[in-house]
């Protein structure tokens, strides 16, 4: 691995000062406690505030310090599975309904944080005949469901264009959401890990939250926070690099290829962000340690030079951890009395996680949500908590 001073430097997204939030050092009370201050948790907090709930949010590290602020900055509609695979598993109607909800959420994200979003569309590029055929089947299924997609054959190769997808500065988005939530009255605490979680109480090392309900909005490591999810969620490391400005290439929209395993985009200042090659890291990448490693970083640099044509030096190397499920559908459910979980997005949490965060906030307060009949049961025994 090249040693140019960039090993383990942190994400390129951390480009502005962030005044740290306080630690939780006392007993506090709220209607709902949200554990996890990434995009899904902060979206849940915003929804709870809209519903008039007194809310507290805590994070083991900081705002956007997990997968939400350490990913590749793609805003993709749908789930981790390509649409035709999701339709085969969920049923075409449910898969289409979920896809439309993520399209609506993309619009919301753009309107909420335009300073952190570019409506660029994205490309899926096929690497061989099998993937070309899979793109064809995917396009047919999307068009049958009246969902936006276009065939593509450009300098990147053959594939599909998804015109409604977007690019984001994910850490900036999280920080904007956190600042807005605090201005609206939410109390947020960093470096306050949840060491005990029950429906009426969340304990941290130096304080505790008394509450009526809890949302655990964690992606990578969710099976450690909630051990009952072990065996259903499994955490993996994703590694990323970013470069100095690279005017020698022009990447107008984010690209993913080789069945989504590699992904890259060029930022407005011409820097290139590239992630991938997790499969080449072997079993060592099934870990919750967000540290870049030589073998995967070497593959990223080779592809950066030979596959994309970037000559600019690498300035940032980082990793993030996300959780996967076998069916590539997120975990969104009640796991304990008055404790709800949302996470394990299998690599596509930027948009789907926000949908899930909103849905859990709605479920807790009203007993109904936008995901009823899609990812949540259509009918539940409870009608919401009085918070």
Protein backbone atom coordinates (compact mmCIF):
# COMPACT_ATOMS: atom_id res chain seq x y z
CA UNK A 1 0.00 0.00 0.00
CA UNK A 2 1.31 3.41 -0.90
CA UNK A 3 2.46 5.34 2.15
CA UNK A 4 1.84 8.94 1.21
CA UNK A 5 0.67 10.13 4.61
CA UNK A 6 -2.96 9.25 3.85
CA UNK A 7 -3.25 5.84 5.56
CA UNK A 8 -6.19 5.91 7.95
CA UNK A 9 -6.66 9.65 7.47
CA UNK A 10 -10.44 9.67 7.92
CA UNK A 11 -13.20 10.36 5.41
CA UNK A 12 -12.90 13.10 2.84
CA UNK A 13 -16.34 14.26 3.97
CA UNK A 14 -14.94 15.65 7.24
CA UNK A 15 -14.01 18.95 5.63
CA UNK A 16 -15.40 21.51 8.08
CA UNK A 17 -15.02 22.16 11.82
CA UNK A 18 -17.67 20.54 13.99
CA UNK A 19 -18.10 21.78 17.56
CA UNK A 20 -18.48 18.66 19.71
CA UNK A 21 -21.78 18.01 21.41
CA UNK A 22 -21.88 17.33 25.15
CA UNK A 23 -21.60 13.97 26.86
CA UNK A 24 -24.63 12.77 28.74
CA UNK A 25 -23.62 13.26 32.40
CA UNK A 26 -26.96 13.19 34.21
CA UNK A 27 -30.38 11.62 34.30
CA UNK A 28 -32.71 13.11 31.69
CA UNK A 29 -36.25 12.37 30.56
CA UNK A 30 -37.84 12.27 27.14
CA UNK A 31 -40.71 10.72 25.28
CA UNK A 32 -38.38 8.79 22.95
CA UNK A 33 -34.66 8.09 23.10
CA UNK A 34 -32.94 7.52 19.76
CA UNK A 35 -29.70 5.54 19.89
CA UNK A 36 -27.51 6.41 16.91
CA UNK A 37 -26.97 9.83 15.34
CA UNK A 38 -26.50 8.80 11.73
CA UNK A 39 -28.86 9.66 8.91
CA UNK A 40 -31.59 7.19 9.94
CA UNK A 41 -31.49 8.19 13.60
CA UNK A 42 -31.47 11.91 12.82
CA UNK A 43 -34.33 11.46 10.36
CA UNK A 44 -36.27 9.62 13.07
CA UNK A 45 -35.58 12.51 15.45
CA UNK A 46 -36.85 15.00 12.89
CA UNK A 47 -40.03 12.98 12.39
CA UNK A 48 -40.57 12.71 16.14
CA UNK A 49 -40.20 16.47 16.45
CA UNK A 50 -42.77 16.91 13.68
CA UNK A 51 -45.10 14.71 15.75
CA UNK A 52 -44.61 16.85 18.84
CA UNK A 53 -42.43 14.41 20.80
CA UNK A 54 -39.81 15.37 23.34
CA UNK A 55 -36.77 13.48 22.03
CA UNK A 56 -33.21 12.76 23.11
CA UNK A 57 -30.54 11.30 20.82
CA UNK A 58 -27.26 9.69 21.84
CA UNK A 59 -24.30 8.28 19.95
CA UNK A 60 -21.36 6.16 21.02
CA UNK A 61 -19.00 8.42 19.06
CA UNK A 62 -20.29 11.46 17.20
CA UNK A 63 -22.85 12.71 14.71
CA UNK A 64 -22.37 10.80 11.46
CA UNK A 65 -19.36 8.95 12.86
CA UNK A 66 -20.56 5.53 11.72
CA UNK A 67 -21.56 4.32 8.27
CA UNK A 68 -23.66 7.45 7.70
CA UNK A 69 -20.57 9.66 7.47
CA UNK A 70 -18.06 7.14 6.14
CA UNK A 71 -19.74 5.78 2.99
CA UNK A 72 -19.28 6.56 -0.69
CA UNK A 73 -21.93 9.29 -0.86
CA UNK A 74 -24.47 7.55 -3.11
CA UNK A 75 -28.20 8.23 -2.77
CA UNK A 76 -29.89 5.24 -4.41
CA UNK A 77 -33.55 4.38 -4.76
CA UNK A 78 -34.67 0.90 -3.80
CA UNK A 79 -33.03 -1.72 -1.60
CA UNK A 80 -29.61 -3.36 -1.68
CA UNK A 81 -30.98 -5.95 -4.11
CA UNK A 82 -31.51 -4.92 -7.71
CA UNK A 83 -35.20 -4.30 -8.30
CA UNK A 84 -36.02 -7.49 -10.18
CA UNK A 85 -34.40 -9.59 -7.46
CA UNK A 86 -36.29 -7.68 -4.77
CA UNK A 87 -39.53 -8.15 -6.71
CA UNK A 88 -38.95 -11.90 -6.93
CA UNK A 89 -38.44 -12.04 -3.18
CA UNK A 90 -41.00 -9.51 -1.88
CA UNK A 91 -43.54 -9.59 -4.67
CA UNK A 92 -43.68 -7.04 -7.45
CA UNK A 93 -46.25 -4.78 -5.77
CA UNK A 94 -44.43 -4.54 -2.45
CA UNK A 95 -41.07 -4.03 -4.12
CA UNK A 96 -42.48 -1.28 -6.32
CA UNK A 97 -44.16 0.40 -3.35
CA UNK A 98 -40.88 0.40 -1.44
CA UNK A 99 -38.98 1.71 -4.46
CA UNK A 100 -41.45 4.61 -4.78
CA UNK A 101 -41.07 5.41 -1.09
CA UNK A 102 -37.32 5.71 -1.57
CA UNK A 103 -37.84 7.94 -4.61
CA UNK A 104 -40.05 10.17 -2.46
CA UNK A 105 -37.38 10.16 0.24
CA UNK A 106 -34.74 11.21 -2.30
CA UNK A 107 -36.84 14.29 -2.99
CA UNK A 108 -37.18 14.95 0.74
CA UNK A 109 -33.43 14.62 1.27
CA UNK A 110 -32.73 17.07 -1.53
CA UNK A 111 -35.25 19.58 -0.15
CA UNK A 112 -34.04 19.16 3.46
CA UNK A 113 -30.32 19.46 2.74
CA UNK A 114 -29.71 20.93 -0.72
CA UNK A 115 -26.23 22.01 0.41
CA UNK A 116 -25.29 18.32 0.69
CA UNK A 117 -27.00 16.82 -2.38
CA UNK A 118 -26.49 16.87 -6.14
CA UNK A 119 -29.22 15.41 -8.38
CA UNK A 120 -26.91 13.69 -10.83
CA UNK A 121 -28.45 10.29 -11.48
CA UNK A 122 -26.28 7.18 -11.17
CA UNK A 123 -24.95 4.52 -13.52
CA UNK A 124 -24.89 0.77 -13.13
CA UNK A 125 -22.19 -0.50 -15.49
CA UNK A 126 -21.94 -4.17 -16.48
CA UNK A 127 -18.57 -5.91 -16.55
CA UNK A 128 -19.48 -9.06 -18.50
CA UNK A 129 -22.25 -10.74 -20.49
CA UNK A 130 -23.99 -12.07 -17.39
CA UNK A 131 -24.24 -8.62 -15.90
CA UNK A 132 -25.37 -7.13 -19.24
CA UNK A 133 -28.21 -9.64 -19.26
CA UNK A 134 -29.03 -8.87 -15.64
CA UNK A 135 -29.23 -5.17 -16.49
CA UNK A 136 -31.65 -5.99 -19.30
CA UNK A 137 -33.90 -7.97 -16.96
CA UNK A 138 -33.68 -5.22 -14.35
CA UNK A 139 -34.74 -2.59 -16.88
CA UNK A 140 -37.72 -4.66 -18.04
CA UNK A 141 -38.91 -5.12 -14.46
CA UNK A 142 -38.52 -1.44 -13.62
CA UNK A 143 -40.39 -0.36 -16.74
CA UNK A 144 -43.19 -2.82 -16.04
CA UNK A 145 -43.54 -1.15 -12.64
CA UNK A 146 -43.41 2.32 -14.26
CA UNK A 147 -40.22 3.20 -12.39
CA UNK A 148 -37.54 5.50 -13.86
CA UNK A 149 -34.65 3.84 -15.72
CA UNK A 150 -32.87 4.33 -19.05
CA UNK A 151 -30.55 2.10 -21.05
CA UNK A 152 -26.99 3.38 -21.17
CA UNK A 153 -23.99 2.76 -23.37
CA UNK A 154 -21.24 5.32 -22.88
CA UNK A 155 -17.54 5.58 -22.31
CA UNK A 156 -17.89 3.80 -18.96
CA UNK A 157 -19.45 0.79 -20.71
CA UNK A 158 -22.96 -0.66 -21.12
CA UNK A 159 -25.52 -0.61 -18.37
CA UNK A 160 -28.36 1.43 -16.91
CA UNK A 161 -28.95 5.07 -15.98
CA UNK A 162 -31.08 5.83 -12.93
CA UNK A 163 -32.02 9.47 -13.49
CA UNK A 164 -33.56 10.15 -10.07
CA UNK A 165 -30.61 8.96 -7.96
CA UNK A 166 -28.21 11.48 -6.47
CA UNK A 167 -24.81 12.17 -4.97
CA UNK A 168 -24.39 13.40 -1.42
CA UNK A 169 -21.90 14.78 1.05
CA UNK A 170 -23.15 12.38 3.74
CA UNK A 171 -21.40 13.77 6.80
CA UNK A 172 -22.47 17.31 5.98
CA UNK A 173 -26.04 16.09 5.68
CA UNK A 174 -25.89 14.47 9.12
CA UNK A 175 -24.45 17.58 10.71
CA UNK A 176 -27.07 19.82 9.13
CA UNK A 177 -29.83 17.52 10.40
CA UNK A 178 -28.31 17.45 13.88
CA UNK A 179 -27.99 21.22 14.04
CA UNK A 180 -31.56 21.66 12.89
CA UNK A 181 -32.86 19.12 15.41
CA UNK A 182 -31.09 20.90 18.25
CA UNK A 183 -32.57 24.24 17.20
CA UNK A 184 -36.01 22.59 17.34
CA UNK A 185 -35.46 21.38 20.89
CA UNK A 186 -33.96 17.91 20.58
CA UNK A 187 -31.20 17.14 23.08
CA UNK A 188 -28.29 15.34 21.42
CA UNK A 189 -25.27 13.82 23.12
CA UNK A 190 -22.04 12.51 21.60
CA UNK A 191 -19.57 9.99 23.09
CA UNK A 192 -22.42 8.53 25.13
CA UNK A 193 -22.72 4.83 24.24
CA UNK A 194 -25.80 2.91 25.29
CA UNK A 195 -24.62 0.16 27.65
CA UNK A 196 -28.11 -0.91 28.74
CA UNK A 197 -31.27 -0.56 26.68
CA UNK A 198 -34.82 -1.12 27.90
CA UNK A 199 -38.07 0.40 26.74
CA UNK A 200 -38.18 2.84 29.64
CA UNK A 201 -34.49 3.47 30.21
CA UNK A 202 -31.21 3.79 28.31
CA UNK A 203 -28.06 3.78 30.41
CA UNK A 204 -24.78 5.37 29.32
CA UNK A 205 -21.44 5.36 31.22
CA UNK A 206 -22.15 8.69 32.90
CA UNK A 207 -25.92 9.17 32.71
CA UNK A 208 -29.24 7.67 31.72
CA UNK A 209 -32.37 8.52 29.78
CA UNK A 210 -35.83 7.76 31.18
CA UNK A 211 -38.27 7.46 28.30
CA UNK A 212 -41.45 5.87 26.97
CA UNK A 213 -39.85 4.19 23.94
CA UNK A 214 -36.48 3.65 22.28
CA UNK A 215 -35.37 3.59 18.66
CA UNK A 216 -32.02 1.91 18.00
CA UNK A 217 -30.94 3.36 14.64
CA UNK A 218 -27.60 1.65 14.11
CA UNK A 219 -26.28 0.01 10.95
CA UNK A 220 -22.83 -1.54 11.39
CA UNK A 221 -22.59 -3.36 14.72
CA UNK A 222 -26.32 -3.49 15.33
CA UNK A 223 -25.96 -7.13 16.40
CA UNK A 224 -23.56 -6.01 19.12
CA UNK A 225 -25.90 -3.31 20.39
CA UNK A 226 -28.87 -5.70 20.29
CA UNK A 227 -27.52 -9.25 20.73
CA UNK A 228 -30.88 -10.80 19.83
CA UNK A 229 -30.15 -9.78 16.22
CA UNK A 230 -26.95 -11.85 16.07
CA UNK A 231 -27.31 -14.40 13.29
CA UNK A 232 -29.62 -12.13 11.30
CA UNK A 233 -27.28 -9.17 10.88
CA UNK A 234 -23.58 -9.47 10.14
CA UNK A 235 -21.21 -6.52 10.09
CA UNK A 236 -18.63 -5.96 7.37
CA UNK A 237 -16.00 -3.34 6.60
CA UNK A 238 -16.14 -1.22 3.44
CA UNK A 239 -12.98 0.60 2.39
CA UNK A 240 -12.72 3.86 0.48
CA UNK A 241 -10.10 6.24 -0.92
CA UNK A 242 -10.25 9.83 -2.12
CA UNK A 243 -7.82 11.82 -4.21
CA UNK A 244 -6.64 15.34 -4.76
CA UNK A 245 -8.42 17.14 -7.63
CA UNK A 246 -8.16 15.00 -10.78
CA UNK A 247 -8.95 17.17 -13.82
CA UNK A 248 -7.60 14.40 -16.07
CA UNK A 249 -10.89 12.50 -15.68
CA UNK A 250 -14.53 13.51 -15.97
CA UNK A 251 -17.10 11.49 -14.01
CA UNK A 252 -20.38 13.42 -14.31
CA UNK A 253 -22.41 11.06 -12.13
CA UNK A 254 -21.73 8.32 -9.58
CA UNK A 255 -20.96 4.89 -11.05
CA UNK A 256 -21.20 1.39 -9.62
CA UNK A 257 -20.06 -1.76 -11.36
CA UNK A 258 -19.33 -5.47 -10.92
CA UNK A 259 -22.74 -6.08 -9.36
CA UNK A 260 -22.30 -3.00 -7.15
CA UNK A 261 -19.05 -4.10 -5.56
CA UNK A 262 -17.07 -1.11 -6.87
CA UNK A 263 -18.39 2.43 -6.83
CA UNK A 264 -16.95 5.87 -7.48
CA UNK A 265 -17.86 9.47 -8.05
CA UNK A 266 -16.16 12.78 -8.77
CA UNK A 267 -16.88 15.69 -6.46
CA UNK A 268 -17.49 19.27 -7.64
CA UNK A 269 -13.85 20.17 -6.89
CA UNK A 270 -12.77 17.26 -9.16
CA UNK A 271 -11.61 14.94 -6.37
CA UNK A 272 -12.47 11.28 -6.94
CA UNK A 273 -13.93 9.01 -4.27
CA UNK A 274 -13.68 5.24 -4.85
CA UNK A 275 -14.76 2.28 -2.75
CA UNK A 276 -14.98 -1.46 -3.22
CA UNK A 277 -13.12 -4.79 -3.46
CA UNK A 278 -14.52 -5.98 -0.14
CA UNK A 279 -14.83 -9.48 -1.56
CA UNK A 280 -11.10 -9.60 -2.31
CA UNK A 281 -10.34 -8.95 1.34
CA UNK A 282 -11.84 -12.31 2.28
CA UNK A 283 -13.20 -13.17 5.71
CA UNK A 284 -11.08 -10.44 7.29
CA UNK A 285 -13.59 -7.90 6.01
CA UNK A 286 -16.34 -9.40 8.20
CA UNK A 287 -15.44 -7.15 11.11
CA UNK A 288 -16.62 -4.09 13.00
CA UNK A 289 -13.14 -2.55 12.93
CA UNK A 290 -13.26 0.52 10.67
CA UNK A 291 -9.60 0.45 9.70
CA UNK A 292 -8.24 0.41 6.13
CA UNK A 293 -6.09 -2.59 5.24
CA UNK A 294 -3.26 -3.07 2.76
CA UNK A 295 -4.72 -5.73 0.43
CA UNK A 296 -8.00 -3.91 -0.25
CA UNK A 297 -6.35 -0.50 -0.39
CA UNK A 298 -3.88 -1.83 -2.95
CA UNK A 299 -6.74 -3.08 -5.15
CA UNK A 300 -8.47 0.28 -4.86
CA UNK A 301 -5.34 2.11 -5.97
CA UNK A 302 -4.78 -0.22 -8.93
CA UNK A 303 -8.34 0.29 -10.12
CA UNK A 304 -8.15 4.04 -9.51
CA UNK A 305 -5.14 4.26 -11.84
CA UNK A 306 -5.93 1.63 -14.46
CA UNK A 307 -9.71 1.44 -14.36
CA UNK A 308 -10.65 5.11 -13.99
CA UNK A 309 -7.46 6.79 -15.19
CA UNK A 310 -6.84 8.99 -12.17
CA UNK A 311 -3.27 10.27 -11.77
CA UNK A 312 -3.86 12.56 -8.80
CA UNK A 313 -2.44 11.40 -5.47
CA UNK A 314 -4.56 9.69 -2.86
CA UNK A 315 -5.20 12.04 0.05
CA UNK A 316 -7.68 10.07 2.16
CA UNK A 317 -8.04 6.40 3.07
CA UNK A 318 -10.80 5.25 5.38
CA UNK A 319 -13.24 2.47 6.17
CA UNK A 320 -16.76 2.23 7.51
CA UNK A 321 -18.77 -0.68 8.83
CA UNK A 322 -22.25 -1.70 7.74
CA UNK A 323 -24.46 -4.68 8.52
CA UNK A 324 -25.82 -7.14 5.99
CA UNK A 325 -28.81 -9.47 6.10
CA UNK A 326 -29.18 -12.66 4.08
CA UNK A 327 -32.24 -11.36 2.23
CA UNK A 328 -30.75 -7.83 1.78
CA UNK A 329 -33.82 -6.31 3.42
CA UNK A 330 -33.32 -4.06 6.43
CA UNK A 331 -34.16 -5.00 9.98
CA UNK A 332 -37.04 -2.80 11.09
CA UNK A 333 -39.04 -4.22 13.97
CA UNK A 334 -39.77 -4.21 17.68
CA UNK A 335 -37.05 -6.26 19.38
CA UNK A 336 -37.92 -5.71 23.03
CA UNK A 337 -40.83 -4.19 24.89
CA UNK A 338 -40.98 -0.61 23.59
CA UNK A 339 -37.58 -0.97 21.88
CA UNK A 340 -37.53 -0.72 18.10
CA UNK A 341 -34.61 -1.32 15.76
CA UNK A 342 -33.75 -0.03 12.30
CA UNK A 343 -30.54 -1.03 10.55
CA UNK A 344 -28.63 -3.61 8.54
CA UNK A 345 -29.23 -1.92 5.18
CA UNK A 346 -26.70 -4.10 3.34
CA UNK A 347 -24.91 -1.08 1.90
CA UNK A 348 -27.82 1.16 0.87
CA UNK A 349 -28.74 2.98 4.06
CA UNK A 350 -28.48 6.59 2.94
CA UNK A 351 -32.03 6.68 1.55
CA UNK A 352 -33.67 3.49 2.80
CA UNK A 353 -32.41 4.19 6.33
CA UNK A 354 -34.15 7.54 6.32
CA UNK A 355 -37.41 5.88 5.26
CA UNK A 356 -37.05 3.35 8.07
CA UNK A 357 -36.26 6.05 10.62
CA UNK A 358 -39.38 7.99 9.71
CA UNK A 359 -41.49 4.84 9.77
CA UNK A 360 -40.43 3.86 13.27
CA UNK A 361 -41.09 7.36 14.60
CA UNK A 362 -44.58 7.23 13.08
CA UNK A 363 -45.20 3.72 14.41
CA UNK A 364 -44.24 4.58 17.97
CA UNK A 365 -46.36 7.71 18.12
CA UNK A 366 -49.39 6.89 15.95
CA UNK A 367 -49.37 3.11 15.53
CA UNK A 368 -49.22 3.53 11.75
CA UNK A 369 -46.44 4.26 9.28
CA UNK A 370 -45.55 4.75 5.64
CA UNK A 371 -44.04 1.23 5.60
CA UNK A 372 -47.18 -0.57 6.74
CA UNK A 373 -47.81 -3.47 4.40
CA UNK A 374 -44.37 -3.00 2.83
CA UNK A 375 -41.74 -3.72 5.48
CA UNK A 376 -43.96 -3.51 8.55
CA UNK A 377 -47.20 -5.40 9.26
CA UNK A 378 -50.36 -3.79 8.00
CA UNK A 379 -52.02 -4.26 11.38
CA UNK A 380 -50.48 -4.23 14.84
CA UNK A 381 -51.88 -4.93 18.24
CA UNK A 382 -50.84 -1.54 19.59
CA UNK A 383 -52.04 1.85 18.40
CA UNK A 384 -48.98 3.84 19.33
CA UNK A 385 -47.60 5.11 22.62
CA UNK A 386 -48.69 8.23 24.39
CA UNK A 387 -45.47 10.22 24.28
